[in-house]
Amino acid sequence: MISTILIIGFVMFACLKIVNRKVLQAERILIEQYPTWQNFNKNLDRNLLKVIIGSSYAYRHRKTFEADRHWCLPKDNISAQFEILKHFYSIIKTNGEVNLILSRFEIQERPKNVYLPFHYRILQPALLPTNKHGKYLYYPILNIGWAVQILNIRCFNNRKSKASNEEIIIPSETEDIIKEIQEFCNSRDLKFKLIVPDVNYQIEL
């Protein structure tokens, strides 16, 4: 009886270890185009001509928009995107481009001060709030909800969005952050452009 329990326990532990490794691999694939706080000054490409920041839409369509780097992540929020830009803008060439790509749904969302597990790998963890994502950085399988999401991340590539003439309403908080990003870029001799591909008209802030 005891031996059976031990065998079952060993098998479960081995399975969890394999799944944990899969989750870590999936996270690394997501952030492969990002510099990270560990290697920021090591073998880092600099003088980038064009960088794209964004969330799920930009991630799904990253092959459509050409750039030196695609700093876009599924389920990211505009506050975290700005934080990443502030950390790594110095590797963009003077007069280089920063394109913020959002869908018509994403631009209508209010900013959230939320950091997901991959942010703790890209940004310096000591500068971020301590939460379950930071706590389970090396053992994401213990954060079951996130593990399930990250292992199903491929589903983002199958979603499509058609252009629309529907009027969009941008929350004032979101508009403020977009303007902050624009001012941040302008003050550092970077060209900023907001792109909302799935609307049939130019958005003016």
Protein backbone atom coordinates (compact mmCIF):
# COMPACT_ATOMS: atom_id res chain seq x y z
CA MET A 1 0.00 0.00 0.00
CA ILE A 2 2.73 2.44 1.01
CA SER A 3 4.81 1.52 -2.02
CA THR A 4 1.83 2.16 -4.31
CA ILE A 5 1.30 5.60 -2.77
CA LEU A 6 4.99 6.39 -3.19
CA ILE A 7 4.93 5.33 -6.84
CA ILE A 8 1.82 7.42 -7.53
CA GLY A 9 3.40 10.38 -5.75
CA PHE A 10 6.61 10.02 -7.75
CA VAL A 11 4.71 9.83 -11.04
CA MET A 12 2.64 12.93 -10.16
CA PHE A 13 5.78 14.85 -9.18
CA ALA A 14 7.48 13.88 -12.44
CA CYS A 15 4.44 14.98 -14.47
CA LEU A 16 4.25 18.32 -12.67
CA LYS A 17 7.95 18.87 -13.27
CA ILE A 18 7.50 18.23 -17.01
CA VAL A 19 4.51 20.59 -17.20
CA ASN A 20 6.41 23.25 -15.25
CA ARG A 21 9.24 23.02 -17.79
CA LYS A 22 6.73 23.39 -20.64
CA VAL A 23 5.27 26.54 -19.05
CA LEU A 24 8.74 28.05 -18.60
CA GLN A 25 9.57 27.28 -22.24
CA ALA A 26 6.32 28.90 -23.40
CA GLU A 27 7.12 32.04 -21.40
CA ARG A 28 10.62 32.24 -22.89
CA ILE A 29 9.23 31.99 -26.43
CA LEU A 30 6.87 34.89 -25.69
CA ILE A 31 9.65 37.21 -24.56
CA GLU A 32 12.38 36.13 -26.99
CA GLN A 33 12.39 39.56 -28.74
CA TYR A 34 12.73 41.46 -25.47
CA PRO A 35 15.87 42.47 -23.68
CA THR A 36 15.69 41.32 -20.08
CA TRP A 37 16.96 42.94 -16.92
CA GLN A 38 19.56 40.16 -16.51
CA ASN A 39 21.26 40.66 -19.88
CA PHE A 40 20.51 44.31 -20.64
CA ASN A 41 24.18 45.21 -20.92
CA LYS A 42 25.35 41.94 -22.46
CA ASN A 43 25.38 41.17 -26.19
CA LEU A 44 22.46 43.52 -26.73
CA ASP A 45 21.45 44.73 -30.19
CA ARG A 46 21.26 48.51 -30.24
CA ASN A 47 20.29 51.28 -32.67
CA LEU A 48 16.98 49.62 -33.50
CA LEU A 49 15.15 51.48 -36.27
CA LYS A 50 11.62 50.44 -35.41
CA VAL A 51 9.92 48.87 -32.42
CA ILE A 52 6.30 47.82 -32.02
CA ILE A 53 4.58 47.76 -28.65
CA GLY A 54 1.10 46.42 -28.04
CA SER A 55 -1.05 43.70 -26.59
CA SER A 56 -2.89 40.64 -27.94
CA TYR A 57 -3.78 42.16 -31.34
CA ALA A 58 -0.20 43.23 -32.04
CA TYR A 59 1.07 39.83 -30.88
CA ARG A 60 -1.32 37.91 -33.15
CA HIS A 61 -0.44 40.07 -36.17
CA ARG A 62 3.27 40.55 -35.48
CA LYS A 63 4.15 38.99 -38.87
CA THR A 64 2.01 41.62 -40.61
CA PHE A 65 3.84 44.63 -39.18
CA GLU A 66 7.55 44.80 -39.97
CA ALA A 67 9.87 45.99 -37.23
CA ASP A 68 13.27 45.29 -35.71
CA ARG A 69 11.56 44.16 -32.51
CA HIS A 70 8.00 43.30 -31.58
CA TRP A 71 7.62 44.19 -27.91
CA CYS A 72 4.04 42.97 -27.69
CA LEU A 73 2.55 40.36 -25.39
CA PRO A 74 -0.84 38.61 -25.16
CA LYS A 75 -3.13 40.04 -22.49
CA ASP A 76 -0.72 42.87 -21.78
CA ASN A 77 -1.97 46.28 -20.70
CA ILE A 78 -0.94 49.72 -21.87
CA SER A 79 0.55 50.69 -18.50
CA ALA A 80 2.96 47.74 -18.60
CA GLN A 81 3.77 48.44 -22.27
CA PHE A 82 4.79 51.96 -21.32
CA GLU A 83 6.91 50.64 -18.45
CA ILE A 84 8.76 48.30 -20.82
CA LEU A 85 9.36 51.15 -23.26
CA LYS A 86 10.74 53.32 -20.43
CA HIS A 87 13.15 50.56 -19.46
CA PHE A 88 14.54 49.83 -22.92
CA TYR A 89 14.02 52.90 -25.10
CA SER A 90 17.78 53.62 -25.06
CA ILE A 91 18.50 50.78 -27.48
CA ILE A 92 16.29 52.44 -30.13
CA LYS A 93 18.18 54.62 -32.59
CA THR A 94 17.76 58.41 -32.48
CA ASN A 95 14.80 59.27 -34.72
CA GLY A 96 13.78 55.62 -34.61
CA GLU A 97 10.11 54.66 -34.62
CA VAL A 98 7.85 53.43 -31.83
CA ASN A 99 4.51 52.14 -33.08
CA LEU A 100 1.77 51.44 -30.55
CA ILE A 101 -0.64 48.96 -32.13
CA LEU A 102 -4.01 48.41 -30.45
CA SER A 103 -7.26 46.91 -31.66
CA ARG A 104 -10.47 48.92 -31.45
CA PHE A 105 -11.37 46.86 -28.38
CA GLU A 106 -8.02 47.28 -26.63
CA ILE A 107 -7.96 51.05 -27.06
CA GLN A 108 -11.35 51.24 -25.33
CA GLU A 109 -10.07 49.43 -22.24
CA ARG A 110 -9.06 51.30 -19.11
CA PRO A 111 -5.42 50.99 -18.00
CA LYS A 112 -4.67 48.36 -15.38
CA ASN A 113 -1.74 48.37 -13.05
CA VAL A 114 -1.30 44.63 -13.53
CA TYR A 115 1.95 42.77 -14.09
CA LEU A 116 1.92 39.23 -15.47
CA PRO A 117 4.61 36.55 -14.99
CA PHE A 118 6.56 37.47 -18.12
CA HIS A 119 6.96 41.05 -16.83
CA TYR A 120 9.01 39.66 -13.94
CA ARG A 121 11.45 38.21 -16.47
CA ILE A 122 11.65 41.31 -18.66
CA LEU A 123 11.70 44.00 -15.97
CA GLN A 124 13.67 44.11 -12.74
CA PRO A 125 11.49 42.13 -10.26
CA ALA A 126 12.61 44.30 -7.35
CA LEU A 127 10.88 47.28 -9.01
CA LEU A 128 7.56 45.46 -9.39
CA PRO A 129 4.92 44.73 -6.77
CA THR A 130 5.27 41.36 -5.08
CA ASN A 131 2.35 39.12 -6.02
CA LYS A 132 1.68 35.49 -6.88
CA HIS A 133 3.28 35.94 -10.31
CA GLY A 134 6.55 37.11 -8.80
CA LYS A 135 6.35 34.48 -6.08
CA TYR A 136 5.94 31.61 -8.56
CA LEU A 137 8.44 32.94 -11.10
CA TYR A 138 10.43 29.69 -11.32
CA TYR A 139 7.55 27.36 -10.47
CA PRO A 140 4.65 28.72 -12.58
CA ILE A 141 2.85 25.39 -12.36
CA LEU A 142 1.89 26.42 -8.82
CA ASN A 143 0.01 29.34 -10.37
CA ILE A 144 -2.50 27.02 -12.05
CA GLY A 145 -4.62 29.70 -13.75
CA TRP A 146 -1.58 31.23 -15.45
CA ALA A 147 -0.14 27.83 -16.41
CA VAL A 148 -3.36 26.91 -18.23
CA GLN A 149 -3.40 30.26 -20.07
CA ILE A 150 0.24 30.16 -21.15
CA LEU A 151 -0.02 26.60 -22.47
CA ASN A 152 -2.98 27.66 -24.62
CA ILE A 153 -1.36 30.84 -25.87
CA ARG A 154 -1.27 29.50 -29.44
CA CYS A 155 -5.02 30.17 -29.65
CA PHE A 156 -4.22 33.88 -29.99
CA ASN A 157 -2.90 33.28 -33.49
CA ASN A 158 -6.23 31.92 -34.70
CA ARG A 159 -8.36 34.92 -33.85
CA LYS A 160 -9.25 37.42 -36.56
CA SER A 161 -10.57 40.95 -36.39
CA LYS A 162 -12.31 42.72 -39.30
CA ALA A 163 -12.10 46.46 -39.88
CA SER A 164 -15.13 48.42 -38.71
CA ASN A 165 -16.68 51.87 -39.04
CA GLU A 166 -18.08 51.57 -35.55
CA GLU A 167 -17.42 54.61 -33.38
CA ILE A 168 -15.03 53.97 -30.53
CA ILE A 169 -14.87 55.74 -27.20
CA ILE A 170 -11.41 56.00 -25.65
CA PRO A 171 -11.40 56.28 -21.84
CA SER A 172 -9.70 59.47 -20.66
CA GLU A 173 -7.19 57.42 -18.62
CA THR A 174 -6.14 55.48 -21.72
CA GLU A 175 -5.92 58.63 -23.79
CA ASP A 176 -3.72 60.22 -21.10
CA ILE A 177 -1.27 57.30 -21.14
CA ILE A 178 -1.09 57.32 -24.95
CA LYS A 179 -0.28 61.02 -24.82
CA GLU A 180 2.35 60.32 -22.14
CA ILE A 181 3.94 57.72 -24.40
CA GLN A 182 3.93 60.20 -27.27
CA GLU A 183 5.52 62.92 -25.14
CA PHE A 184 8.05 60.44 -23.78
CA CYS A 185 9.08 59.51 -27.32
CA ASN A 186 9.15 63.10 -28.58
CA SER A 187 11.39 64.20 -25.72
CA ARG A 188 13.87 61.43 -26.62
CA ASP A 189 13.93 62.08 -30.37
CA LEU A 190 11.82 59.05 -31.17
CA LYS A 191 8.96 59.05 -33.66
CA PHE A 192 5.69 57.84 -32.17
CA LYS A 193 2.72 56.51 -34.10
CA LEU A 194 -0.59 55.11 -32.83
CA ILE A 195 -2.05 52.44 -35.11
CA VAL A 196 -5.55 50.99 -34.74
CA PRO A 197 -5.73 48.73 -37.80
CA ASP A 198 -9.28 47.46 -37.41
CA VAL A 199 -11.04 50.82 -37.80
CA ASN A 200 -11.65 52.49 -41.15
CA TYR A 201 -10.83 56.02 -40.05
CA GLN A 202 -8.01 58.01 -38.45
CA ILE A 203 -8.16 58.31 -34.68
CA GLU A 204 -7.33 61.75 -33.33
CA LEU A 205 -6.44 62.18 -29.65
